Amino acid sequence: MAKDEGLSIGYRMGWNIRRAVMSVLGPAQLGEDDPMERLNVERRNKVAEARAKKNSGR
């Protein structure tokens, strides 16, 4: 991933902590929702929003 992708340091730190916890203490049965994929989708959406906001300000 890029350096900060337009995301705040607080969000990036929180996301990395959640990712680490989820990889170690994730649910025993995933069912249909993979929590890691949900985190990745959330981050992709946040990055897209940040890029759109940055581009609209130009």
PDB file of N, CA and C in Angstrom:
ATOM      1  N   MET A   1       0.829  -1.178   0.000  1.00  0.00           N
ATOM      2  CA  MET A   1       0.000   0.000   0.000  1.00  0.00           C
ATOM      3  C   MET A   1       0.879   1.248   0.000  1.00  0.00           C
ATOM      4  N   ALA A   2       0.346   2.287  -0.518  1.00  0.00           N
ATOM      5  CA  ALA A   2       1.087   3.543  -0.575  1.00  0.00           C
ATOM      6  C   ALA A   2       1.321   4.087   0.829  1.00  0.00           C
ATOM      7  N   LYS A   3       2.117   5.143   0.912  1.00  0.00           N
ATOM      8  CA  LYS A   3       2.462   5.710   2.219  1.00  0.00           C
ATOM      9  C   LYS A   3       1.245   5.933   3.100  1.00  0.00           C
ATOM     10  N   ASP A   4       0.429   6.903   2.769  1.00  0.00           N
ATOM     11  CA  ASP A   4      -0.729   7.190   3.607  1.00  0.00           C
ATOM     12  C   ASP A   4      -2.039   7.162   2.841  1.00  0.00           C
ATOM     13  N   GLU A   5      -1.990   7.178   1.533  1.00  0.00           N
ATOM     14  CA  GLU A   5      -3.169   7.088   0.672  1.00  0.00           C
ATOM     15  C   GLU A   5      -4.232   8.128   1.017  1.00  0.00           C
ATOM     16  N   GLY A   6      -3.845   9.228   1.650  1.00  0.00           N
ATOM     17  CA  GLY A   6      -4.793  10.273   2.000  1.00  0.00           C
ATOM     18  C   GLY A   6      -5.562  10.003   3.275  1.00  0.00           C
ATOM     19  N   LEU A   7      -5.160   8.975   4.029  1.00  0.00           N
ATOM     20  CA  LEU A   7      -5.860   8.627   5.257  1.00  0.00           C
ATOM     21  C   LEU A   7      -5.121   9.193   6.461  1.00  0.00           C
ATOM     22  N   SER A   8      -5.870   9.511   7.508  1.00  0.00           N
ATOM     23  CA  SER A   8      -5.257  10.077   8.708  1.00  0.00           C
ATOM     24  C   SER A   8      -4.412   9.028   9.429  1.00  0.00           C
ATOM     25  N   ILE A   9      -3.453   9.508  10.199  1.00  0.00           N
ATOM     26  CA  ILE A   9      -2.589   8.604  10.958  1.00  0.00           C
ATOM     27  C   ILE A   9      -3.405   7.785  11.954  1.00  0.00           C
ATOM     28  N   GLY A  10      -4.420   8.398  12.560  1.00  0.00           N
ATOM     29  CA  GLY A  10      -5.264   7.681  13.512  1.00  0.00           C
ATOM     30  C   GLY A  10      -6.010   6.529  12.858  1.00  0.00           C
ATOM     31  N   TYR A  11      -6.560   6.787  11.668  1.00  0.00           N
ATOM     32  CA  TYR A  11      -7.281   5.729  10.963  1.00  0.00           C
ATOM     33  C   TYR A  11      -6.324   4.601  10.570  1.00  0.00           C
ATOM     34  N   ARG A  12      -5.153   4.976  10.044  1.00  0.00           N
ATOM     35  CA  ARG A  12      -4.195   3.953   9.615  1.00  0.00           C
ATOM     36  C   ARG A  12      -3.727   3.101  10.783  1.00  0.00           C
ATOM     37  N   MET A  13      -3.457   3.730  11.929  1.00  0.00           N
ATOM     38  CA  MET A  13      -3.023   2.974  13.111  1.00  0.00           C
ATOM     39  C   MET A  13      -4.147   2.047  13.580  1.00  0.00           C
ATOM     40  N   GLY A  14      -5.358   2.574  13.652  1.00  0.00           N
ATOM     41  CA  GLY A  14      -6.502   1.761  14.071  1.00  0.00           C
ATOM     42  C   GLY A  14      -6.752   0.603  13.126  1.00  0.00           C
ATOM     43  N   TRP A  15      -6.634   0.853  11.835  1.00  0.00           N
ATOM     44  CA  TRP A  15      -6.865  -0.195  10.849  1.00  0.00           C
ATOM     45  C   TRP A  15      -5.826  -1.301  10.985  1.00  0.00           C
ATOM     46  N   ASN A  16      -4.559  -0.910  11.169  1.00  0.00           N
ATOM     47  CA  ASN A  16      -3.506  -1.915  11.325  1.00  0.00           C
ATOM     48  C   ASN A  16      -3.674  -2.721  12.606  1.00  0.00           C
ATOM     49  N   ILE A  17      -4.115  -2.081  13.669  1.00  0.00           N
ATOM     50  CA  ILE A  17      -4.370  -2.805  14.917  1.00  0.00           C
ATOM     51  C   ILE A  17      -5.521  -3.785  14.718  1.00  0.00           C
ATOM     52  N   ARG A  18      -6.602  -3.321  14.092  1.00  0.00           N
ATOM     53  CA  ARG A  18      -7.741  -4.208  13.839  1.00  0.00           C
ATOM     54  C   ARG A  18      -7.343  -5.370  12.944  1.00  0.00           C
ATOM     55  N   ARG A  19      -6.502  -5.107  11.940  1.00  0.00           N
ATOM     56  CA  ARG A  19      -6.051  -6.173  11.043  1.00  0.00           C
ATOM     57  C   ARG A  19      -5.233  -7.203  11.807  1.00  0.00           C
ATOM     58  N   ALA A  20      -4.322  -6.744  12.671  1.00  0.00           N
ATOM     59  CA  ALA A  20      -3.480  -7.659  13.452  1.00  0.00           C
ATOM     60  C   ALA A  20      -4.334  -8.501  14.403  1.00  0.00           C
ATOM     61  N   VAL A  21      -5.261  -7.852  15.087  1.00  0.00           N
ATOM     62  CA  VAL A  21      -6.132  -8.576  16.013  1.00  0.00           C
ATOM     63  C   VAL A  21      -6.994  -9.577  15.261  1.00  0.00           C
ATOM     64  N   MET A  22      -7.521  -9.170  14.130  1.00  0.00           N
ATOM     65  CA  MET A  22      -8.386 -10.054  13.354  1.00  0.00           C
ATOM     66  C   MET A  22      -7.614 -11.258  12.820  1.00  0.00           C
ATOM     67  N   SER A  23      -6.341 -11.072  12.481  1.00  0.00           N
ATOM     68  CA  SER A  23      -5.559 -12.192  11.948  1.00  0.00           C
ATOM     69  C   SER A  23      -5.213 -13.191  13.043  1.00  0.00           C
ATOM     70  N   VAL A  24      -5.132 -12.733  14.292  1.00  0.00           N
ATOM     71  CA  VAL A  24      -4.792 -13.622  15.404  1.00  0.00           C
ATOM     72  C   VAL A  24      -6.049 -14.139  16.094  1.00  0.00           C
ATOM     73  N   LEU A  25      -6.990 -13.274  16.348  1.00  0.00           N
ATOM     74  CA  LEU A  25      -8.171 -13.632  17.132  1.00  0.00           C
ATOM     75  C   LEU A  25      -9.456 -13.632  16.317  1.00  0.00           C
ATOM     76  N   GLY A  26      -9.335 -13.826  15.034  1.00  0.00           N
ATOM     77  CA  GLY A  26     -10.520 -13.819  14.176  1.00  0.00           C
ATOM     78  C   GLY A  26     -11.497 -14.916  14.556  1.00  0.00           C
ATOM     79  N   PRO A  27     -12.692 -14.870  14.028  1.00  0.00           N
ATOM     80  CA  PRO A  27     -13.708 -15.858  14.382  1.00  0.00           C
ATOM     81  C   PRO A  27     -13.297 -17.266  13.951  1.00  0.00           C
ATOM     82  N   ALA A  28     -13.725 -18.238  14.733  1.00  0.00           N
ATOM     83  CA  ALA A  28     -13.389 -19.632  14.440  1.00  0.00           C
ATOM     84  C   ALA A  28     -14.064 -20.102  13.148  1.00  0.00           C
ATOM     85  N   GLN A  29     -15.286 -19.639  12.929  1.00  0.00           N
ATOM     86  CA  GLN A  29     -16.001 -19.998  11.715  1.00  0.00           C
ATOM     87  C   GLN A  29     -16.319 -18.724  10.955  1.00  0.00           C
ATOM     88  N   LEU A  30     -15.851 -18.652   9.739  1.00  0.00           N
ATOM     89  CA  LEU A  30     -16.003 -17.424   8.974  1.00  0.00           C
ATOM     90  C   LEU A  30     -17.386 -17.264   8.379  1.00  0.00           C
ATOM     91  N   GLY A  31     -18.036 -18.352   8.072  1.00  0.00           N
ATOM     92  CA  GLY A  31     -19.343 -18.235   7.419  1.00  0.00           C
ATOM     93  C   GLY A  31     -19.184 -17.581   6.061  1.00  0.00           C
ATOM     94  N   GLU A  32     -20.082 -16.678   5.739  1.00  0.00           N
ATOM     95  CA  GLU A  32     -20.031 -16.029   4.433  1.00  0.00           C
ATOM     96  C   GLU A  32     -19.205 -14.753   4.454  1.00  0.00           C
ATOM     97  N   ASP A  33     -19.047 -14.148   5.638  1.00  0.00           N
ATOM     98  CA  ASP A  33     -18.298 -12.899   5.745  1.00  0.00           C
ATOM     99  C   ASP A  33     -16.874 -13.160   6.222  1.00  0.00           C
ATOM    100  N   ASP A  34     -15.917 -12.817   5.407  1.00  0.00           N
ATOM    101  CA  ASP A  34     -14.521 -12.902   5.818  1.00  0.00           C
ATOM    102  C   ASP A  34     -14.156 -11.549   6.425  1.00  0.00           C
ATOM    103  N   PRO A  35     -13.838 -11.505   7.717  1.00  0.00           N
ATOM    104  CA  PRO A  35     -13.552 -10.226   8.360  1.00  0.00           C
ATOM    105  C   PRO A  35     -12.352  -9.497   7.752  1.00  0.00           C
ATOM    106  N   MET A  36     -11.367 -10.221   7.293  1.00  0.00           N
ATOM    107  CA  MET A  36     -10.204  -9.584   6.671  1.00  0.00           C
ATOM    108  C   MET A  36     -10.601  -8.913   5.365  1.00  0.00           C
ATOM    109  N   GLU A  37     -11.454  -9.573   4.610  1.00  0.00           N
ATOM    110  CA  GLU A  37     -11.922  -8.977   3.354  1.00  0.00           C
ATOM    111  C   GLU A  37     -12.764  -7.735   3.636  1.00  0.00           C
ATOM    112  N   ARG A  38     -13.602  -7.792   4.691  1.00  0.00           N
ATOM    113  CA  ARG A  38     -14.377  -6.620   5.080  1.00  0.00           C
ATOM    114  C   ARG A  38     -13.468  -5.443   5.415  1.00  0.00           C
ATOM    115  N   LEU A  39     -12.365  -5.703   6.142  1.00  0.00           N
ATOM    116  CA  LEU A  39     -11.414  -4.638   6.468  1.00  0.00           C
ATOM    117  C   LEU A  39     -10.786  -4.068   5.197  1.00  0.00           C
ATOM    118  N   ASN A  40     -10.414  -4.952   4.277  1.00  0.00           N
ATOM    119  CA  ASN A  40      -9.800  -4.492   3.029  1.00  0.00           C
ATOM    120  C   ASN A  40     -10.774  -3.672   2.190  1.00  0.00           C
ATOM    121  N   VAL A  41     -12.024  -4.094   2.138  1.00  0.00           N
ATOM    122  CA  VAL A  41     -13.042  -3.339   1.396  1.00  0.00           C
ATOM    123  C   VAL A  41     -13.247  -1.973   2.040  1.00  0.00           C
ATOM    124  N   GLU A  42     -13.318  -1.949   3.378  1.00  0.00           N
ATOM    125  CA  GLU A  42     -13.482  -0.672   4.086  1.00  0.00           C
ATOM    126  C   GLU A  42     -12.341   0.273   3.749  1.00  0.00           C
ATOM    127  N   ARG A  43     -11.109  -0.241   3.753  1.00  0.00           N
ATOM    128  CA  ARG A  43      -9.951   0.609   3.463  1.00  0.00           C
ATOM    129  C   ARG A  43      -9.975   1.096   2.020  1.00  0.00           C
ATOM    130  N   ARG A  44     -10.310   0.206   1.088  1.00  0.00           N
ATOM    131  CA  ARG A  44     -10.381   0.630  -0.321  1.00  0.00           C
ATOM    132  C   ARG A  44     -11.407   1.739  -0.494  1.00  0.00           C
ATOM    133  N   ASN A  45     -12.549   1.624   0.192  1.00  0.00           N
ATOM    134  CA  ASN A  45     -13.577   2.667   0.108  1.00  0.00           C
ATOM    135  C   ASN A  45     -13.076   3.983   0.691  1.00  0.00           C
ATOM    136  N   LYS A  46     -12.383   3.920   1.833  1.00  0.00           N
ATOM    137  CA  LYS A  46     -11.844   5.129   2.462  1.00  0.00           C
ATOM    138  C   LYS A  46     -10.811   5.794   1.551  1.00  0.00           C
ATOM    139  N   VAL A  47      -9.947   4.986   0.938  1.00  0.00           N
ATOM    140  CA  VAL A  47      -8.926   5.525   0.036  1.00  0.00           C
ATOM    141  C   VAL A  47      -9.592   6.184  -1.161  1.00  0.00           C
ATOM    142  N   ALA A  48     -10.616   5.550  -1.716  1.00  0.00           N
ATOM    143  CA  ALA A  48     -11.327   6.126  -2.861  1.00  0.00           C
ATOM    144  C   ALA A  48     -11.969   7.457  -2.482  1.00  0.00           C
ATOM    145  N   GLU A  49     -12.562   7.534  -1.279  1.00  0.00           N
ATOM    146  CA  GLU A  49     -13.156   8.792  -0.813  1.00  0.00           C
ATOM    147  C   GLU A  49     -12.096   9.872  -0.653  1.00  0.00           C
ATOM    148  N   ALA A  50     -10.956   9.501  -0.072  1.00  0.00           N
ATOM    149  CA  ALA A  50      -9.885  10.473   0.150  1.00  0.00           C
ATOM    150  C   ALA A  50      -9.332  10.979  -1.177  1.00  0.00           C
ATOM    151  N   ARG A  51      -9.165  10.084  -2.138  1.00  0.00           N
ATOM    152  CA  ARG A  51      -8.667  10.500  -3.449  1.00  0.00           C
ATOM    153  C   ARG A  51      -9.661  11.392  -4.161  1.00  0.00           C
ATOM    154  N   ALA A  52     -10.955  11.065  -4.061  1.00  0.00           N
ATOM    155  CA  ALA A  52     -11.994  11.880  -4.695  1.00  0.00           C
ATOM    156  C   ALA A  52     -12.019  13.274  -4.072  1.00  0.00           C
ATOM    157  N   LYS A  53     -11.897  13.336  -2.753  1.00  0.00           N
ATOM    158  CA  LYS A  53     -11.892  14.614  -2.067  1.00  0.00           C
ATOM    159  C   LYS A  53     -10.676  15.441  -2.472  1.00  0.00           C
ATOM    160  N   LYS A  54      -9.532  14.773  -2.586  1.00  0.00           N
ATOM    161  CA  LYS A  54      -8.298  15.458  -2.972  1.00  0.00           C
ATOM    162  C   LYS A  54      -8.399  15.978  -4.408  1.00  0.00           C
ATOM    163  N   ASN A  55      -8.945  15.181  -5.305  1.00  0.00           N
ATOM    164  CA  ASN A  55      -9.061  15.570  -6.700  1.00  0.00           C
ATOM    165  C   ASN A  55     -10.105  16.662  -6.918  1.00  0.00           C
ATOM    166  N   SER A  56     -11.136  16.673  -6.089  1.00  0.00           N
ATOM    167  CA  SER A  56     -12.169  17.701  -6.251  1.00  0.00           C
ATOM    168  C   SER A  56     -11.690  19.056  -5.741  1.00  0.00           C
ATOM    169  N   GLY A  57     -10.676  19.052  -4.895  1.00  0.00           N
ATOM    170  CA  GLY A  57     -10.139  20.298  -4.359  1.00  0.00           C
ATOM    171  C   GLY A  57      -9.162  20.999  -5.286  1.00  0.00           C
ATOM    172  N   ARG A  58      -8.777  20.358  -6.348  1.00  0.00           N
ATOM    173  CA  ARG A  58      -7.803  20.932  -7.293  1.00  0.00           C
ATOM    174  C   ARG A  58      -8.407  21.939  -8.195  1.00  0.00           C
TER     175      ARG A  58
END
